[in-house]
Structure formats: structure tokens, C-alpha cells
């Protein structure tokens, strides 16, 4: 089993979601909603990350990288 965590900082997430709003015209991607979803995600996910991060199969990937770079890292971990 493998546990992959794509870790991106708040600024990267906000920038990507702002771009998504423009590209996909999503009404739920206003900045207030995005920030609240991020805060809830961090509150609920941090305990899970703390639990699994001690597992030797836990792999953290820099989620701020470009998609092709992230894909290469995932492929490396799953030996594709």
C-alpha cells in the first residue's frame, strides 16, 4: 500500500482556484469560499496526516510543482 500526500501551500491553492474560476466560470470559487474550504480541509486533514506520516509508505509530493512533474513523481513511487 502507498499513501500519497500532494502538499501545496495556501498561496498556490488560492492562485490555482482563482484560475479555475476564470477558466470554468465556477460560482463557488469566490475567495471567501475558497479560504473557508481550505481552513476546513486543514482542520480535518491534519490529524489524518499526522497519523499516516509515520508510516514508511507515506510519500509527500510537492503539490506546487507543474502537473507533469507531479505525475512523474507519482509514477516513480508506484513504479510505473
PDB file of N, CA and C in Angstrom:
ATOM      1  N   UNK A   1       0.836  -1.180   0.000  1.00  0.00           N
ATOM      2  CA  UNK A   1       0.000   0.000   0.000  1.00  0.00           C
ATOM      3  C   UNK A   1       0.877   1.238   0.000  1.00  0.00           C
ATOM      4  N   UNK A   2       0.348   2.293  -0.568  1.00  0.00           N
ATOM      5  CA  UNK A   2       1.082   3.540  -0.688  1.00  0.00           C
ATOM      6  C   UNK A   2       0.156   4.688  -0.303  1.00  0.00           C
ATOM      7  N   UNK A   3       0.686   5.622   0.461  1.00  0.00           N
ATOM      8  CA  UNK A   3      -0.069   6.800   0.871  1.00  0.00           C
ATOM      9  C   UNK A   3       0.614   8.010   0.255  1.00  0.00           C
ATOM     10  N   UNK A   4      -0.065   8.689  -0.667  1.00  0.00           N
ATOM     11  CA  UNK A   4       0.497   9.861  -1.319  1.00  0.00           C
ATOM     12  C   UNK A   4      -0.207  11.110  -0.812  1.00  0.00           C
ATOM     13  N   UNK A   5       0.591  12.099  -0.448  1.00  0.00           N
ATOM     14  CA  UNK A   5       0.062  13.383   0.005  1.00  0.00           C
ATOM     15  C   UNK A   5       0.614  14.463  -0.900  1.00  0.00           C
ATOM     16  N   UNK A   6      -0.269  15.111  -1.650  1.00  0.00           N
ATOM     17  CA  UNK A   6       0.125  16.229  -2.501  1.00  0.00           C
ATOM     18  C   UNK A   6       0.010  17.494  -1.657  1.00  0.00           C
ATOM     19  N   UNK A   7       1.136  18.032  -1.282  1.00  0.00           N
ATOM     20  CA  UNK A   7       1.184  19.171  -0.375  1.00  0.00           C
ATOM     21  C   UNK A   7       1.431  20.451  -1.165  1.00  0.00           C
ATOM     22  N   UNK A   8       0.481  21.375  -1.075  1.00  0.00           N
ATOM     23  CA  UNK A   8       0.640  22.687  -1.713  1.00  0.00           C
ATOM     24  C   UNK A   8       0.315  23.749  -0.676  1.00  0.00           C
ATOM     25  N   UNK A   9       1.046  24.839  -0.715  1.00  0.00           N
ATOM     26  CA  UNK A   9       0.797  25.903   0.258  1.00  0.00           C
ATOM     27  C   UNK A   9      -0.475  26.677  -0.104  1.00  0.00           C
ATOM     28  N   UNK A  10      -0.936  27.436   0.843  1.00  0.00           N
ATOM     29  CA  UNK A  10      -2.198  28.162   0.696  1.00  0.00           C
ATOM     30  C   UNK A  10      -2.173  29.107  -0.503  1.00  0.00           C
ATOM     31  N   UNK A  11      -1.081  29.795  -0.710  1.00  0.00           N
ATOM     32  CA  UNK A  11      -0.995  30.747  -1.815  1.00  0.00           C
ATOM     33  C   UNK A  11      -1.138  30.041  -3.168  1.00  0.00           C
ATOM     34  N   UNK A  12      -0.492  28.887  -3.311  1.00  0.00           N
ATOM     35  CA  UNK A  12      -0.583  28.126  -4.557  1.00  0.00           C
ATOM     36  C   UNK A  12      -2.011  27.670  -4.800  1.00  0.00           C
ATOM     37  N   UNK A  13      -2.645  27.175  -3.762  1.00  0.00           N
ATOM     38  CA  UNK A  13      -4.028  26.710  -3.886  1.00  0.00           C
ATOM     39  C   UNK A  13      -4.944  27.859  -4.282  1.00  0.00           C
ATOM     40  N   UNK A  14      -4.804  29.005  -3.623  1.00  0.00           N
ATOM     41  CA  UNK A  14      -5.647  30.151  -3.939  1.00  0.00           C
ATOM     42  C   UNK A  14      -5.447  30.612  -5.381  1.00  0.00           C
ATOM     43  N   UNK A  15      -4.196  30.627  -5.823  1.00  0.00           N
ATOM     44  CA  UNK A  15      -3.905  31.050  -7.187  1.00  0.00           C
ATOM     45  C   UNK A  15      -4.519  30.079  -8.200  1.00  0.00           C
ATOM     46  N   UNK A  16      -4.391  28.789  -7.958  1.00  0.00           N
ATOM     47  CA  UNK A  16      -4.932  27.790  -8.881  1.00  0.00           C
ATOM     48  C   UNK A  16      -6.457  27.831  -8.928  1.00  0.00           C
ATOM     49  N   UNK A  17      -7.080  28.020  -7.781  1.00  0.00           N
ATOM     50  CA  UNK A  17      -8.539  28.064  -7.771  1.00  0.00           C
ATOM     51  C   UNK A  17      -9.072  29.350  -8.405  1.00  0.00           C
ATOM     52  N   UNK A  18      -8.347  30.441  -8.265  1.00  0.00           N
ATOM     53  CA  UNK A  18      -8.742  31.681  -8.941  1.00  0.00           C
ATOM     54  C   UNK A  18      -8.673  31.485 -10.453  1.00  0.00           C
ATOM     55  N   UNK A  19      -7.646  30.787 -10.909  1.00  0.00           N
ATOM     56  CA  UNK A  19      -7.515  30.493 -12.344  1.00  0.00           C
ATOM     57  C   UNK A  19      -8.650  29.570 -12.797  1.00  0.00           C
ATOM     58  N   UNK A  20      -8.984  28.581 -11.962  1.00  0.00           N
ATOM     59  CA  UNK A  20     -10.066  27.659 -12.306  1.00  0.00           C
ATOM     60  C   UNK A  20     -11.388  28.413 -12.430  1.00  0.00           C
ATOM     61  N   UNK A  21     -11.584  29.381 -11.540  1.00  0.00           N
ATOM     62  CA  UNK A  21     -12.831  30.156 -11.598  1.00  0.00           C
ATOM     63  C   UNK A  21     -12.957  30.839 -12.956  1.00  0.00           C
ATOM     64  N   UNK A  22     -11.867  31.400 -13.429  1.00  0.00           N
ATOM     65  CA  UNK A  22     -11.883  32.090 -14.720  1.00  0.00           C
ATOM     66  C   UNK A  22     -12.109  31.091 -15.859  1.00  0.00           C
ATOM     67  N   UNK A  23     -11.394  29.979 -15.826  1.00  0.00           N
ATOM     68  CA  UNK A  23     -11.478  29.003 -16.913  1.00  0.00           C
ATOM     69  C   UNK A  23     -12.820  28.270 -16.948  1.00  0.00           C
ATOM     70  N   UNK A  24     -13.348  27.958 -15.771  1.00  0.00           N
ATOM     71  CA  UNK A  24     -14.561  27.142 -15.710  1.00  0.00           C
ATOM     72  C   UNK A  24     -15.800  27.930 -15.294  1.00  0.00           C
ATOM     73  N   UNK A  25     -15.629  29.217 -15.015  1.00  0.00           N
ATOM     74  CA  UNK A  25     -16.741  30.079 -14.623  1.00  0.00           C
ATOM     75  C   UNK A  25     -17.531  29.501 -13.455  1.00  0.00           C
ATOM     76  N   UNK A  26     -16.805  29.074 -12.434  1.00  0.00           N
ATOM     77  CA  UNK A  26     -17.437  28.451 -11.265  1.00  0.00           C
ATOM     78  C   UNK A  26     -17.841  29.506 -10.252  1.00  0.00           C
ATOM     79  N   UNK A  27     -19.094  29.501  -9.891  1.00  0.00           N
ATOM     80  CA  UNK A  27     -19.600  30.486  -8.941  1.00  0.00           C
ATOM     81  C   UNK A  27     -19.148  30.185  -7.509  1.00  0.00           C
ATOM     82  N   UNK A  28     -18.766  28.932  -7.234  1.00  0.00           N
ATOM     83  CA  UNK A  28     -18.361  28.558  -5.873  1.00  0.00           C
ATOM     84  C   UNK A  28     -16.879  28.813  -5.607  1.00  0.00           C
ATOM     85  N   UNK A  29     -16.202  29.434  -6.529  1.00  0.00           N
ATOM     86  CA  UNK A  29     -14.775  29.695  -6.363  1.00  0.00           C
ATOM     87  C   UNK A  29     -14.474  31.152  -5.998  1.00  0.00           C
ATOM     88  N   UNK A  30     -15.361  31.789  -5.241  1.00  0.00           N
ATOM     89  CA  UNK A  30     -15.031  33.134  -4.777  1.00  0.00           C
ATOM     90  C   UNK A  30     -14.022  33.010  -3.633  1.00  0.00           C
ATOM     91  N   UNK A  31     -13.270  34.053  -3.385  1.00  0.00           N
ATOM     92  CA  UNK A  31     -12.148  33.969  -2.445  1.00  0.00           C
ATOM     93  C   UNK A  31     -12.585  33.593  -1.033  1.00  0.00           C
ATOM     94  N   UNK A  32     -13.715  34.108  -0.564  1.00  0.00           N
ATOM     95  CA  UNK A  32     -14.176  33.768   0.781  1.00  0.00           C
ATOM     96  C   UNK A  32     -14.489  32.290   0.926  1.00  0.00           C
ATOM     97  N   UNK A  33     -15.153  31.732  -0.060  1.00  0.00           N
ATOM     98  CA  UNK A  33     -15.484  30.306  -0.044  1.00  0.00           C
ATOM     99  C   UNK A  33     -14.221  29.459  -0.126  1.00  0.00           C
ATOM    100  N   UNK A  34     -13.302  29.853  -0.971  1.00  0.00           N
ATOM    101  CA  UNK A  34     -12.049  29.112  -1.130  1.00  0.00           C
ATOM    102  C   UNK A  34     -11.278  29.082   0.194  1.00  0.00           C
ATOM    103  N   UNK A  35     -11.159  30.222   0.839  1.00  0.00           N
ATOM    104  CA  UNK A  35     -10.411  30.295   2.095  1.00  0.00           C
ATOM    105  C   UNK A  35     -11.088  29.444   3.165  1.00  0.00           C
ATOM    106  N   UNK A  36     -12.406  29.494   3.240  1.00  0.00           N
ATOM    107  CA  UNK A  36     -13.131  28.694   4.239  1.00  0.00           C
ATOM    108  C   UNK A  36     -12.959  27.210   3.973  1.00  0.00           C
ATOM    109  N   UNK A  37     -13.047  26.787   2.698  1.00  0.00           N
ATOM    110  CA  UNK A  37     -12.845  25.373   2.357  1.00  0.00           C
ATOM    111  C   UNK A  37     -11.430  24.942   2.716  1.00  0.00           C
ATOM    112  N   UNK A  38     -10.455  25.807   2.481  1.00  0.00           N
ATOM    113  CA  UNK A  38      -9.064  25.494   2.822  1.00  0.00           C
ATOM    114  C   UNK A  38      -8.921  25.301   4.334  1.00  0.00           C
ATOM    115  N   UNK A  39      -9.495  26.201   5.117  1.00  0.00           N
ATOM    116  CA  UNK A  39      -9.397  26.114   6.578  1.00  0.00           C
ATOM    117  C   UNK A  39     -10.043  24.821   7.094  1.00  0.00           C
ATOM    118  N   UNK A  40     -11.204  24.472   6.563  1.00  0.00           N
ATOM    119  CA  UNK A  40     -11.878  23.235   6.972  1.00  0.00           C
ATOM    120  C   UNK A  40     -11.040  22.030   6.579  1.00  0.00           C
ATOM    121  N   UNK A  41     -10.494  22.063   5.376  1.00  0.00           N
ATOM    122  CA  UNK A  41      -9.643  20.961   4.914  1.00  0.00           C
ATOM    123  C   UNK A  41      -8.460  20.766   5.863  1.00  0.00           C
ATOM    124  N   UNK A  42      -7.794  21.857   6.224  1.00  0.00           N
ATOM    125  CA  UNK A  42      -6.634  21.748   7.097  1.00  0.00           C
ATOM    126  C   UNK A  42      -7.029  21.244   8.483  1.00  0.00           C
ATOM    127  N   UNK A  43      -8.129  21.711   9.012  1.00  0.00           N
ATOM    128  CA  UNK A  43      -8.584  21.266  10.332  1.00  0.00           C
ATOM    129  C   UNK A  43      -8.881  19.771  10.353  1.00  0.00           C
ATOM    130  N   UNK A  44      -9.514  19.280   9.298  1.00  0.00           N
ATOM    131  CA  UNK A  44      -9.932  17.878   9.278  1.00  0.00           C
ATOM    132  C   UNK A  44      -8.838  16.948   8.771  1.00  0.00           C
ATOM    133  N   UNK A  45      -7.931  17.456   7.975  1.00  0.00           N
ATOM    134  CA  UNK A  45      -6.909  16.613   7.364  1.00  0.00           C
ATOM    135  C   UNK A  45      -5.649  16.492   8.203  1.00  0.00           C
ATOM    136  N   UNK A  46      -5.291  17.517   8.936  1.00  0.00           N
ATOM    137  CA  UNK A  46      -4.032  17.488   9.697  1.00  0.00           C
ATOM    138  C   UNK A  46      -3.937  16.295  10.647  1.00  0.00           C
ATOM    139  N   UNK A  47      -4.976  15.958  11.391  1.00  0.00           N
ATOM    140  CA  UNK A  47      -4.867  14.776  12.254  1.00  0.00           C
ATOM    141  C   UNK A  47      -4.635  13.483  11.452  1.00  0.00           C
ATOM    142  N   UNK A  48      -5.239  13.393  10.297  1.00  0.00           N
ATOM    143  CA  UNK A  48      -5.049  12.213   9.446  1.00  0.00           C
ATOM    144  C   UNK A  48      -3.606  12.168   8.924  1.00  0.00           C
ATOM    145  N   UNK A  49      -3.094  13.315   8.505  1.00  0.00           N
ATOM    146  CA  UNK A  49      -1.700  13.386   8.038  1.00  0.00           C
ATOM    147  C   UNK A  49      -0.737  13.022   9.162  1.00  0.00           C
ATOM    148  N   UNK A  50      -1.001  13.536  10.355  1.00  0.00           N
ATOM    149  CA  UNK A  50      -0.145  13.218  11.498  1.00  0.00           C
ATOM    150  C   UNK A  50      -0.119  11.712  11.750  1.00  0.00           C
ATOM    151  N   UNK A  51      -1.269  11.079  11.647  1.00  0.00           N
ATOM    152  CA  UNK A  51      -1.368   9.643  11.877  1.00  0.00           C
ATOM    153  C   UNK A  51      -0.595   8.856  10.815  1.00  0.00           C
ATOM    154  N   UNK A  52      -0.809   9.177   9.546  1.00  0.00           N
ATOM    155  CA  UNK A  52      -0.212   8.387   8.472  1.00  0.00           C
ATOM    156  C   UNK A  52       1.241   8.747   8.162  1.00  0.00           C
ATOM    157  N   UNK A  53       1.678   9.929   8.540  1.00  0.00           N
ATOM    158  CA  UNK A  53       3.027  10.376   8.165  1.00  0.00           C
ATOM    159  C   UNK A  53       4.138   9.525   8.774  1.00  0.00           C
ATOM    160  N   UNK A  54       3.856   8.789   9.825  1.00  0.00           N
ATOM    161  CA  UNK A  54       4.874   7.920  10.425  1.00  0.00           C
ATOM    162  C   UNK A  54       4.972   6.574   9.695  1.00  0.00           C
ATOM    163  N   UNK A  55       4.037   6.313   8.816  1.00  0.00           N
ATOM    164  CA  UNK A  55       4.039   5.076   8.035  1.00  0.00           C
ATOM    165  C   UNK A  55       5.141   5.162   6.978  1.00  0.00           C
ATOM    166  N   UNK A  56       5.964   4.120   6.828  1.00  0.00           N
ATOM    167  CA  UNK A  56       7.032   4.170   5.825  1.00  0.00           C
ATOM    168  C   UNK A  56       6.514   4.260   4.389  1.00  0.00           C
ATOM    169  N   UNK A  57       5.246   3.955   4.167  1.00  0.00           N
ATOM    170  CA  UNK A  57       4.660   4.039   2.834  1.00  0.00           C
ATOM    171  C   UNK A  57       4.045   5.410   2.546  1.00  0.00           C
ATOM    172  N   UNK A  58       4.196   6.330   3.474  1.00  0.00           N
ATOM    173  CA  UNK A  58       3.692   7.693   3.308  1.00  0.00           C
ATOM    174  C   UNK A  58       4.697   8.482   2.483  1.00  0.00           C
ATOM    175  N   UNK A  59       4.235   9.034   1.375  1.00  0.00           N
ATOM    176  CA  UNK A  59       5.104   9.820   0.497  1.00  0.00           C
ATOM    177  C   UNK A  59       4.479  11.187   0.281  1.00  0.00           C
ATOM    178  N   UNK A  60       5.245  12.215   0.549  1.00  0.00           N
ATOM    179  CA  UNK A  60       4.779  13.590   0.332  1.00  0.00           C
ATOM    180  C   UNK A  60       5.336  14.107  -0.978  1.00  0.00           C
ATOM    181  N   UNK A  61       4.472  14.718  -1.762  1.00  0.00           N
ATOM    182  CA  UNK A  61       4.860  15.276  -3.051  1.00  0.00           C
ATOM    183  C   UNK A  61       4.542  16.764  -3.032  1.00  0.00           C
ATOM    184  N   UNK A  62       5.463  17.555  -3.545  1.00  0.00           N
ATOM    185  CA  UNK A  62       5.261  18.999  -3.620  1.00  0.00           C
ATOM    186  C   UNK A  62       4.149  19.288  -4.632  1.00  0.00           C
ATOM    187  N   UNK A  63       2.980  19.648  -4.134  1.00  0.00           N
ATOM    188  CA  UNK A  63       1.837  19.904  -4.986  1.00  0.00           C
ATOM    189  C   UNK A  63       1.897  21.229  -5.715  1.00  0.00           C
ATOM    190  N   UNK A  64       2.922  22.028  -5.460  1.00  0.00           N
ATOM    191  CA  UNK A  64       3.050  23.296  -6.178  1.00  0.00           C
ATOM    192  C   UNK A  64       3.806  23.133  -7.497  1.00  0.00           C
ATOM    193  N   UNK A  65       4.321  21.933  -7.739  1.00  0.00           N
ATOM    194  CA  UNK A  65       5.010  21.671  -8.997  1.00  0.00           C
ATOM    195  C   UNK A  65       4.013  21.623 -10.143  1.00  0.00           C
ATOM    196  N   UNK A  66       4.529  21.640 -11.367  1.00  0.00           N
ATOM    197  CA  UNK A  66       3.672  21.510 -12.547  1.00  0.00           C
ATOM    198  C   UNK A  66       3.107  20.092 -12.604  1.00  0.00           C
ATOM    199  N   UNK A  67       1.967  19.943 -13.249  1.00  0.00           N
ATOM    200  CA  UNK A  67       1.264  18.659 -13.280  1.00  0.00           C
ATOM    201  C   UNK A  67       2.142  17.534 -13.823  1.00  0.00           C
ATOM    202  N   UNK A  68       2.899  17.784 -14.886  1.00  0.00           N
ATOM    203  CA  UNK A  68       3.741  16.715 -15.455  1.00  0.00           C
ATOM    204  C   UNK A  68       4.829  16.273 -14.482  1.00  0.00           C
ATOM    205  N   UNK A  69       5.345  17.199 -13.692  1.00  0.00           N
ATOM    206  CA  UNK A  69       6.363  16.864 -12.688  1.00  0.00           C
ATOM    207  C   UNK A  69       5.742  16.041 -11.547  1.00  0.00           C
ATOM    208  N   UNK A  70       4.558  16.440 -11.121  1.00  0.00           N
ATOM    209  CA  UNK A  70       3.852  15.680 -10.085  1.00  0.00           C
ATOM    210  C   UNK A  70       3.573  14.267 -10.584  1.00  0.00           C
ATOM    211  N   UNK A  71       3.127  14.158 -11.816  1.00  0.00           N
ATOM    212  CA  UNK A  71       2.831  12.844 -12.405  1.00  0.00           C
ATOM    213  C   UNK A  71       4.077  11.973 -12.424  1.00  0.00           C
ATOM    214  N   UNK A  72       5.222  12.546 -12.791  1.00  0.00           N
ATOM    215  CA  UNK A  72       6.481  11.778 -12.805  1.00  0.00           C
ATOM    216  C   UNK A  72       6.832  11.277 -11.404  1.00  0.00           C
ATOM    217  N   UNK A  73       6.640  12.116 -10.412  1.00  0.00           N
ATOM    218  CA  UNK A  73       6.945  11.696  -9.038  1.00  0.00           C
ATOM    219  C   UNK A  73       6.016  10.571  -8.591  1.00  0.00           C
ATOM    220  N   UNK A  74       4.733  10.696  -8.908  1.00  0.00           N
ATOM    221  CA  UNK A  74       3.786   9.636  -8.568  1.00  0.00           C
ATOM    222  C   UNK A  74       4.177   8.343  -9.281  1.00  0.00           C
ATOM    223  N   UNK A  75       4.501   8.436 -10.558  1.00  0.00           N
ATOM    224  CA  UNK A  75       4.916   7.263 -11.316  1.00  0.00           C
ATOM    225  C   UNK A  75       6.134   6.594 -10.685  1.00  0.00           C
ATOM    226  N   UNK A  76       7.062   7.398 -10.190  1.00  0.00           N
ATOM    227  CA  UNK A  76       8.247   6.860  -9.539  1.00  0.00           C
ATOM    228  C   UNK A  76       7.863   6.075  -8.290  1.00  0.00           C
ATOM    229  N   UNK A  77       6.950   6.629  -7.508  1.00  0.00           N
ATOM    230  CA  UNK A  77       6.536   5.955  -6.272  1.00  0.00           C
ATOM    231  C   UNK A  77       5.775   4.655  -6.544  1.00  0.00           C
ATOM    232  N   UNK A  78       5.002   4.636  -7.611  1.00  0.00           N
ATOM    233  CA  UNK A  78       4.220   3.409  -7.891  1.00  0.00           C
ATOM    234  C   UNK A  78       4.929   2.513  -8.898  1.00  0.00           C
ATOM    235  N   UNK A  79       6.144   2.899  -9.264  1.00  0.00           N
ATOM    236  CA  UNK A  79       6.992   2.094 -10.150  1.00  0.00           C
ATOM    237  C   UNK A  79       6.362   1.816 -11.514  1.00  0.00           C
ATOM    238  N   UNK A  80       5.799   2.848 -12.102  1.00  0.00           N
ATOM    239  CA  UNK A  80       5.214   2.698 -13.444  1.00  0.00           C
ATOM    240  C   UNK A  80       6.301   2.861 -14.473  1.00  0.00           C
TER     241      UNK A  80
END
